[in-house]
Each structure stands twice: as C-alpha cells, then as structure tokens.
C-alpha cells in the first residue's frame, strides 16, 4: 500500500505522487514515514526531504514548514521547496557566499535581519547539497521561483 505524498509551498504544488517512503528532517531529528504510520504533525527544519518509489529516491530542498501524516497520506506544507533537478548549484553557492560575507562584514544589530541572513545561509547550503547530490545544474541565469538565489 503506497503513501500519497504532497509537497506544497505558497506558490505551487511541488510534488504529488504515490511513494513507498518519505524521509524528512523534523526539528527533533530525521524521520522515515512508511505506510500505516501513526498520525503525526511536526515542524520541519531546513533539510532534504527524500521520497522513495520502487527503490529510487528523489530529493527536495525544503526550507522549513510542517509535515502531517494521516491515513497513508503525507502532506508537507513547506516554507520553500525545490526538486533536486530545479536547483542551480552554482547560484545556490553564490547566494551562500553573499550571505556569509554580509555576516562576516558585521552581523546586523537587528535580530530579525541576522535571523534572515542565517536562514539564507542554511537554505543555500541545503540547496547546494541536494542539487549537487543529483549532479544536476541549471544553466546560468535560470530564474526559478526565487530570484534571490
């Protein structure tokens, strides 16, 4: 019996298919969801969500959100999410370097601005990891759904 898995952001439906397993990083650590899993709601950390179908994995870079499991259905409402084949690794690395440079030049006094920079670094690191693992690079200049990298 497969799981129905939906990965959704405010902008779009990123993924919606039947899968054999969902692996994600919750705020309390890694988890694997198999068919007939107990109902669950948990916050997601920045990390990779992997779905397995017929022994093949597909990865997604997820920038936080919520994961819900109920009745063999996994719904991920993500703050941001990209399929591994959508990630421009060079662009993600450049976004990370820019954010790290801004922090190194002097951390913003505003806690919200510092938190935003730290989140940008985490997101870029995850995008780089997920994109590089799949060995896929989009051509330079690809706009995607986040012009900021």
N, C-alpha and C. Protein backbone atom coordinates (compact mmCIF):
# COMPACT_ATOMS: atom_id res chain seq x y z
N UNK A 1 0.86 -1.18 0.00
CA UNK A 1 0.00 0.00 0.00
C UNK A 1 0.90 1.25 0.00
N UNK A 2 0.82 2.07 -1.01
CA UNK A 2 1.67 3.26 -1.07
C UNK A 2 1.13 4.40 -0.20
N UNK A 3 2.01 5.38 0.00
CA UNK A 3 1.64 6.63 0.66
C UNK A 3 1.38 7.67 -0.42
N UNK A 4 0.41 8.49 -0.20
CA UNK A 4 0.21 9.66 -1.07
C UNK A 4 1.05 10.76 -0.45
N UNK A 5 1.93 11.39 -1.23
CA UNK A 5 2.79 12.45 -0.70
C UNK A 5 2.58 13.72 -1.51
N UNK A 6 2.28 14.81 -0.80
CA UNK A 6 2.15 16.13 -1.41
C UNK A 6 3.14 17.07 -0.75
N UNK A 7 3.92 17.77 -1.55
CA UNK A 7 4.82 18.81 -1.06
C UNK A 7 4.33 20.11 -1.68
N UNK A 8 3.94 21.05 -0.80
CA UNK A 8 3.26 22.25 -1.24
C UNK A 8 3.93 23.47 -0.63
N UNK A 9 4.11 24.53 -1.44
CA UNK A 9 4.54 25.82 -0.93
C UNK A 9 3.40 26.81 -1.18
N UNK A 10 3.57 28.03 -0.75
CA UNK A 10 2.54 29.04 -1.03
C UNK A 10 2.41 29.30 -2.52
N UNK A 11 3.51 29.10 -3.25
CA UNK A 11 3.50 29.41 -4.67
C UNK A 11 2.98 28.30 -5.56
N UNK A 12 3.20 27.03 -5.14
CA UNK A 12 2.88 25.95 -6.07
C UNK A 12 2.85 24.58 -5.40
N UNK A 13 2.31 23.63 -6.14
CA UNK A 13 2.37 22.23 -5.77
C UNK A 13 3.67 21.70 -6.35
N UNK A 14 4.62 21.35 -5.50
CA UNK A 14 5.95 20.93 -5.93
C UNK A 14 5.96 19.45 -6.32
N UNK A 15 5.19 18.63 -5.59
CA UNK A 15 5.21 17.19 -5.82
C UNK A 15 3.91 16.61 -5.32
N UNK A 16 3.35 15.65 -6.05
CA UNK A 16 2.13 14.97 -5.63
C UNK A 16 2.07 13.61 -6.32
N UNK A 17 2.54 12.58 -5.60
CA UNK A 17 2.55 11.23 -6.18
C UNK A 17 2.46 10.19 -5.07
N UNK A 18 2.21 8.95 -5.47
CA UNK A 18 2.26 7.83 -4.55
C UNK A 18 3.71 7.41 -4.39
N UNK A 19 4.13 7.15 -3.15
CA UNK A 19 5.51 6.78 -2.85
C UNK A 19 5.51 5.62 -1.86
N UNK A 20 6.68 5.00 -1.70
CA UNK A 20 6.83 3.91 -0.75
C UNK A 20 7.28 4.39 0.62
N UNK A 21 8.03 5.52 0.65
CA UNK A 21 8.55 6.03 1.90
C UNK A 21 8.88 7.52 1.74
N UNK A 22 8.74 8.27 2.83
CA UNK A 22 9.12 9.68 2.88
C UNK A 22 10.11 9.84 4.02
N UNK A 23 11.27 10.46 3.74
CA UNK A 23 12.27 10.73 4.77
C UNK A 23 12.43 12.24 4.87
N UNK A 24 12.40 12.76 6.09
CA UNK A 24 12.46 14.21 6.29
C UNK A 24 13.18 14.53 7.58
N UNK A 25 13.63 15.78 7.68
CA UNK A 25 14.28 16.27 8.90
C UNK A 25 13.29 17.15 9.65
N UNK A 26 12.79 16.61 10.75
CA UNK A 26 11.94 17.40 11.63
C UNK A 26 12.81 18.20 12.58
N UNK A 27 12.22 19.08 13.35
CA UNK A 27 13.01 19.87 14.30
C UNK A 27 13.62 18.99 15.38
N UNK A 28 13.09 17.79 15.59
CA UNK A 28 13.63 16.87 16.58
C UNK A 28 14.52 15.80 15.96
N UNK A 29 14.79 15.87 14.66
CA UNK A 29 15.68 14.90 14.01
C UNK A 29 15.06 14.28 12.78
N UNK A 30 15.81 13.33 12.21
CA UNK A 30 15.39 12.64 10.99
C UNK A 30 14.25 11.68 11.28
N UNK A 31 13.38 11.50 10.28
CA UNK A 31 12.28 10.55 10.42
C UNK A 31 12.00 9.91 9.06
N UNK A 32 11.49 8.71 9.12
CA UNK A 32 11.06 7.99 7.92
C UNK A 32 9.60 7.62 8.11
N UNK A 33 8.81 7.90 7.10
CA UNK A 33 7.37 7.62 7.14
C UNK A 33 7.09 6.48 6.16
N UNK A 34 6.54 5.41 6.67
CA UNK A 34 6.17 4.25 5.86
C UNK A 34 4.64 4.12 5.87
N UNK A 35 4.09 3.32 4.98
CA UNK A 35 2.63 3.10 5.01
C UNK A 35 2.17 2.65 6.39
N UNK A 36 0.97 3.05 6.74
CA UNK A 36 0.32 2.75 8.02
C UNK A 36 1.00 3.42 9.21
N UNK A 37 1.73 4.50 8.96
CA UNK A 37 2.37 5.26 10.05
C UNK A 37 1.29 5.88 10.93
N UNK A 38 1.58 6.01 12.19
CA UNK A 38 0.65 6.66 13.12
C UNK A 38 0.47 8.12 12.73
N UNK A 39 -0.68 8.70 13.02
CA UNK A 39 -0.88 10.12 12.73
C UNK A 39 0.20 10.96 13.42
N UNK A 40 0.62 12.01 12.72
CA UNK A 40 1.74 12.81 13.21
C UNK A 40 1.65 14.20 12.60
N UNK A 41 1.97 15.20 13.40
CA UNK A 41 2.18 16.56 12.90
C UNK A 41 3.47 17.04 13.55
N UNK A 42 4.39 17.53 12.74
CA UNK A 42 5.66 18.02 13.27
C UNK A 42 6.17 19.17 12.43
N UNK A 43 6.95 20.02 13.05
CA UNK A 43 7.61 21.11 12.34
C UNK A 43 8.84 20.56 11.63
N UNK A 44 9.10 21.07 10.43
CA UNK A 44 10.27 20.66 9.66
C UNK A 44 11.37 21.70 9.81
N UNK A 45 12.59 21.21 9.82
CA UNK A 45 13.77 22.06 9.84
C UNK A 45 14.23 22.25 8.39
N UNK A 46 15.21 23.11 8.19
CA UNK A 46 15.84 23.18 6.89
C UNK A 46 16.47 21.82 6.63
N UNK A 47 16.24 21.26 5.47
CA UNK A 47 16.84 19.96 5.18
C UNK A 47 16.32 19.37 3.90
N UNK A 48 16.75 18.15 3.66
CA UNK A 48 16.34 17.43 2.47
C UNK A 48 15.17 16.53 2.80
N UNK A 49 14.16 16.55 1.96
CA UNK A 49 13.08 15.57 2.02
C UNK A 49 13.34 14.62 0.86
N UNK A 50 13.36 13.33 1.17
CA UNK A 50 13.54 12.33 0.12
C UNK A 50 12.29 11.46 0.06
N UNK A 51 11.88 11.17 -1.15
CA UNK A 51 10.78 10.23 -1.35
C UNK A 51 11.34 9.04 -2.11
N UNK A 52 10.89 7.86 -1.73
CA UNK A 52 11.36 6.64 -2.39
C UNK A 52 10.19 5.99 -3.09
N UNK A 53 10.43 5.70 -4.37
CA UNK A 53 9.47 4.97 -5.20
C UNK A 53 10.22 3.87 -5.92
N UNK A 54 9.79 2.64 -5.72
CA UNK A 54 10.41 1.50 -6.40
C UNK A 54 11.93 1.56 -6.33
N UNK A 55 12.49 1.74 -5.15
CA UNK A 55 13.92 1.75 -4.87
C UNK A 55 14.68 2.94 -5.46
N UNK A 56 13.99 3.92 -5.98
CA UNK A 56 14.64 5.12 -6.50
C UNK A 56 14.24 6.30 -5.61
N UNK A 57 15.24 7.09 -5.21
CA UNK A 57 14.98 8.26 -4.36
C UNK A 57 14.94 9.53 -5.20
N UNK A 58 14.10 10.46 -4.77
CA UNK A 58 14.07 11.80 -5.35
C UNK A 58 14.18 12.77 -4.19
N UNK A 59 15.04 13.79 -4.35
CA UNK A 59 15.29 14.72 -3.27
C UNK A 59 14.68 16.10 -3.51
N UNK A 60 14.36 16.76 -2.40
CA UNK A 60 13.81 18.11 -2.41
C UNK A 60 14.52 18.91 -1.34
N UNK A 61 14.92 20.12 -1.66
CA UNK A 61 15.48 21.04 -0.66
C UNK A 61 14.30 21.78 -0.04
N UNK A 62 14.14 21.62 1.27
CA UNK A 62 13.00 22.21 1.97
C UNK A 62 13.51 23.17 3.03
N UNK A 63 12.94 24.36 3.03
CA UNK A 63 13.35 25.39 3.97
C UNK A 63 12.35 25.55 5.10
N UNK A 64 12.11 24.49 5.84
CA UNK A 64 11.19 24.55 6.97
C UNK A 64 9.75 24.35 6.55
N UNK A 65 8.89 24.23 7.54
CA UNK A 65 7.48 24.04 7.28
C UNK A 65 6.87 23.07 8.27
N UNK A 66 5.82 22.38 7.82
CA UNK A 66 5.08 21.43 8.66
C UNK A 66 4.84 20.16 7.87
N UNK A 67 4.96 19.02 8.55
CA UNK A 67 4.68 17.72 7.95
C UNK A 67 3.53 17.10 8.73
N UNK A 68 2.55 16.59 8.00
CA UNK A 68 1.40 15.91 8.61
C UNK A 68 1.27 14.53 7.99
N UNK A 69 1.05 13.54 8.83
CA UNK A 69 0.80 12.17 8.38
C UNK A 69 -0.56 11.75 8.90
N UNK A 70 -1.40 11.24 8.02
CA UNK A 70 -2.71 10.75 8.42
C UNK A 70 -3.28 9.88 7.30
N UNK A 71 -3.76 8.71 7.65
CA UNK A 71 -4.44 7.81 6.70
C UNK A 71 -3.62 7.58 5.43
N UNK A 72 -2.35 7.18 5.59
CA UNK A 72 -1.45 6.89 4.47
C UNK A 72 -1.28 8.07 3.52
N UNK A 73 -1.30 9.25 4.09
CA UNK A 73 -1.06 10.46 3.31
C UNK A 73 -0.08 11.35 4.07
N UNK A 74 0.93 11.82 3.37
CA UNK A 74 1.91 12.75 3.92
C UNK A 74 1.73 14.08 3.21
N UNK A 75 1.47 15.12 3.98
CA UNK A 75 1.34 16.46 3.42
C UNK A 75 2.45 17.31 4.04
N UNK A 76 3.26 17.89 3.18
CA UNK A 76 4.32 18.78 3.62
C UNK A 76 3.96 20.18 3.14
N UNK A 77 3.69 21.07 4.08
CA UNK A 77 3.46 22.48 3.78
C UNK A 77 4.77 23.18 4.06
N UNK A 78 5.53 23.46 3.01
CA UNK A 78 6.90 23.95 3.16
C UNK A 78 6.97 25.46 2.97
N UNK A 79 7.86 26.07 3.76
CA UNK A 79 8.12 27.49 3.57
C UNK A 79 8.76 27.71 2.20
N UNK A 80 9.66 26.81 1.80
CA UNK A 80 10.22 26.80 0.45
C UNK A 80 10.55 25.35 0.11
N UNK A 81 10.47 25.00 -1.15
CA UNK A 81 10.80 23.63 -1.59
C UNK A 81 11.14 23.65 -3.07
N UNK A 82 12.19 22.91 -3.40
CA UNK A 82 12.61 22.76 -4.79
C UNK A 82 13.00 21.31 -5.04
N UNK A 83 12.62 20.80 -6.19
CA UNK A 83 13.08 19.49 -6.62
C UNK A 83 14.58 19.58 -6.90
N UNK A 84 15.28 18.49 -6.72
CA UNK A 84 16.73 18.49 -6.94
C UNK A 84 17.07 18.93 -8.36
N UNK A 85 16.25 18.57 -9.34
CA UNK A 85 16.57 18.92 -10.73
C UNK A 85 16.23 20.37 -11.08
N UNK A 86 15.68 21.12 -10.14
CA UNK A 86 15.39 22.54 -10.36
C UNK A 86 16.50 23.44 -9.80
N UNK A 87 17.42 22.86 -9.07
CA UNK A 87 18.40 23.66 -8.33
C UNK A 87 19.62 23.98 -9.19
N UNK A 88 19.95 25.23 -9.25
CA UNK A 88 21.17 25.71 -9.89
C UNK A 88 22.22 25.76 -8.79
N UNK A 89 23.11 24.78 -8.75
CA UNK A 89 24.08 24.64 -7.67
C UNK A 89 25.00 25.85 -7.60
N UNK A 90 25.48 26.32 -8.73
CA UNK A 90 26.38 27.47 -8.73
C UNK A 90 25.69 28.70 -8.15
N UNK A 91 24.44 28.88 -8.49
CA UNK A 91 23.69 30.03 -7.96
C UNK A 91 23.45 29.89 -6.46
N UNK A 92 23.19 28.68 -6.00
CA UNK A 92 23.00 28.45 -4.57
C UNK A 92 24.30 28.71 -3.81
N UNK A 93 25.44 28.29 -4.37
CA UNK A 93 26.73 28.54 -3.73
C UNK A 93 27.02 30.04 -3.66
N UNK A 94 26.68 30.75 -4.70
CA UNK A 94 26.89 32.20 -4.71
C UNK A 94 26.00 32.88 -3.68
N UNK A 95 24.77 32.45 -3.54
CA UNK A 95 23.87 33.03 -2.53
C UNK A 95 24.42 32.79 -1.13
N UNK A 96 24.97 31.60 -0.89
CA UNK A 96 25.57 31.30 0.41
C UNK A 96 26.77 32.20 0.67
N UNK A 97 27.64 32.36 -0.33
CA UNK A 97 28.82 33.22 -0.16
C UNK A 97 28.42 34.67 0.14
N UNK A 98 27.40 35.17 -0.57
CA UNK A 98 26.94 36.55 -0.32
C UNK A 98 26.43 36.72 1.10
N UNK A 99 25.62 35.77 1.56
CA UNK A 99 25.07 35.86 2.92
C UNK A 99 26.17 35.73 3.97
N UNK A 100 27.11 34.81 3.77
CA UNK A 100 28.21 34.65 4.72
C UNK A 100 29.09 35.90 4.75
N UNK A 101 29.31 36.52 3.60
CA UNK A 101 30.10 37.75 3.53
C UNK A 101 29.42 38.87 4.32
N UNK A 102 28.10 38.98 4.18
CA UNK A 102 27.37 40.01 4.92
C UNK A 102 27.49 39.80 6.42
N UNK A 103 27.44 38.56 6.87
CA UNK A 103 27.58 38.27 8.30
C UNK A 103 29.01 38.59 8.74
N UNK A 104 30.00 38.19 7.94
CA UNK A 104 31.40 38.41 8.29
C UNK A 104 31.75 39.90 8.34
N UNK A 105 31.10 40.70 7.52
CA UNK A 105 31.37 42.14 7.50
C UNK A 105 30.78 42.85 8.71
N UNK A 106 30.02 42.14 9.47
CA UNK A 106 29.42 42.71 10.66
C UNK A 106 27.98 42.26 10.77
N UNK A 107 27.74 41.45 11.76
CA UNK A 107 26.39 40.93 11.97
C UNK A 107 25.43 42.10 12.20
N UNK A 108 24.28 42.07 11.56
CA UNK A 108 23.30 43.14 11.76
C UNK A 108 22.88 43.23 13.23
N UNK A 109 22.69 44.46 13.69
CA UNK A 109 22.23 44.67 15.07
C UNK A 109 20.80 44.19 15.25
N UNK A 110 20.02 44.26 14.18
CA UNK A 110 18.62 43.83 14.22
C UNK A 110 18.55 42.30 14.25
N UNK A 111 18.01 41.72 15.31
CA UNK A 111 17.94 40.25 15.40
C UNK A 111 17.18 39.62 14.22
N UNK A 112 16.16 40.29 13.73
CA UNK A 112 15.39 39.73 12.60
C UNK A 112 16.25 39.69 11.34
N UNK A 113 17.07 40.72 11.12
CA UNK A 113 17.94 40.75 9.94
C UNK A 113 19.00 39.65 10.05
N UNK A 114 19.55 39.46 11.24
CA UNK A 114 20.53 38.40 11.44
C UNK A 114 19.89 37.03 11.22
N UNK A 115 18.70 36.83 11.74
CA UNK A 115 18.00 35.56 11.55
C UNK A 115 17.72 35.29 10.07
N UNK A 116 17.38 36.35 9.33
CA UNK A 116 17.13 36.20 7.89
C UNK A 116 18.41 35.80 7.16
N UNK A 117 19.54 36.39 7.53
CA UNK A 117 20.81 36.01 6.92
C UNK A 117 21.18 34.57 7.25
N UNK A 118 20.99 34.18 8.51
CA UNK A 118 21.29 32.80 8.90
C UNK A 118 20.39 31.81 8.17
N UNK A 119 19.13 32.17 7.99
CA UNK A 119 18.20 31.31 7.24
C UNK A 119 18.63 31.21 5.78
N UNK A 120 19.09 32.32 5.20
CA UNK A 120 19.56 32.32 3.81
C UNK A 120 20.76 31.40 3.66
N UNK A 121 21.66 31.41 4.64
CA UNK A 121 22.83 30.53 4.59
C UNK A 121 22.40 29.07 4.66
N UNK A 122 21.52 28.74 5.60
CA UNK A 122 21.03 27.36 5.73
C UNK A 122 20.34 26.89 4.45
N UNK A 123 19.49 27.76 3.92
CA UNK A 123 18.75 27.38 2.70
C UNK A 123 19.71 27.14 1.54
N UNK A 124 20.71 28.01 1.38
CA UNK A 124 21.68 27.85 0.30
C UNK A 124 22.50 26.57 0.50
N UNK A 125 22.86 26.25 1.73
CA UNK A 125 23.61 25.03 2.00
C UNK A 125 22.80 23.79 1.62
N UNK A 126 21.54 23.78 1.98
CA UNK A 126 20.68 22.64 1.65
C UNK A 126 20.49 22.54 0.14
N UNK A 127 20.23 23.67 -0.52
CA UNK A 127 20.06 23.66 -1.98
C UNK A 127 21.30 23.12 -2.66
N UNK A 128 22.49 23.54 -2.19
CA UNK A 128 23.74 23.08 -2.78
C UNK A 128 23.90 21.58 -2.59
N UNK A 129 23.64 21.11 -1.38
CA UNK A 129 23.78 19.68 -1.07
C UNK A 129 22.82 18.84 -1.92
N UNK A 130 21.56 19.22 -1.97
CA UNK A 130 20.56 18.45 -2.71
C UNK A 130 20.83 18.51 -4.21
N UNK A 131 21.13 19.69 -4.71
CA UNK A 131 21.41 19.83 -6.14
C UNK A 131 22.66 19.09 -6.57
N UNK A 132 23.72 19.17 -5.77
CA UNK A 132 24.98 18.51 -6.12
C UNK A 132 24.86 17.00 -6.05
N UNK A 133 24.08 16.50 -5.12
CA UNK A 133 23.91 15.05 -4.99
C UNK A 133 23.31 14.47 -6.25
N UNK A 134 22.46 15.20 -6.89
CA UNK A 134 21.81 14.71 -8.11
C UNK A 134 22.64 15.02 -9.35
N UNK A 135 23.71 15.79 -9.16
CA UNK A 135 24.59 16.10 -10.28
C UNK A 135 23.92 16.93 -11.35
N UNK A 136 22.93 17.69 -10.99
CA UNK A 136 22.16 18.45 -11.97
C UNK A 136 22.43 19.93 -11.79
N UNK A 137 22.64 20.63 -12.88
CA UNK A 137 22.84 22.08 -12.84
C UNK A 137 21.98 22.72 -13.92
N UNK A 138 21.29 23.74 -13.53
CA UNK A 138 20.53 24.54 -14.50
C UNK A 138 21.48 25.53 -15.14
N UNK A 139 21.20 25.98 -16.34
CA UNK A 139 22.05 26.98 -16.97
C UNK A 139 22.07 28.27 -16.17
N UNK A 140 23.16 29.01 -16.24
CA UNK A 140 23.24 30.29 -15.56
C UNK A 140 22.14 31.20 -16.05
N UNK A 141 21.63 32.01 -15.13
CA UNK A 141 20.56 32.93 -15.50
C UNK A 141 19.18 32.36 -15.29
N UNK A 142 19.08 31.08 -14.86
CA UNK A 142 17.77 30.49 -14.61
C UNK A 142 17.10 31.25 -13.49
N UNK A 143 15.86 31.66 -13.70
CA UNK A 143 15.16 32.48 -12.73
C UNK A 143 14.53 31.71 -11.60
N UNK A 144 13.95 30.56 -11.86
CA UNK A 144 13.28 29.78 -10.82
C UNK A 144 12.18 30.58 -10.15
N UNK A 145 11.77 30.15 -8.95
CA UNK A 145 10.71 30.85 -8.25
C UNK A 145 11.25 31.74 -7.14
N UNK A 146 12.60 31.87 -7.06
CA UNK A 146 13.18 32.73 -6.04
C UNK A 146 14.33 33.50 -6.65
N UNK A 147 14.09 34.72 -7.12
CA UNK A 147 15.15 35.46 -7.79
C UNK A 147 16.32 35.79 -6.87
N UNK A 148 16.16 35.67 -5.57
CA UNK A 148 17.24 35.99 -4.66
C UNK A 148 18.24 34.87 -4.49
N UNK A 149 18.05 33.73 -5.16
CA UNK A 149 19.02 32.64 -5.06
C UNK A 149 18.48 31.58 -4.24
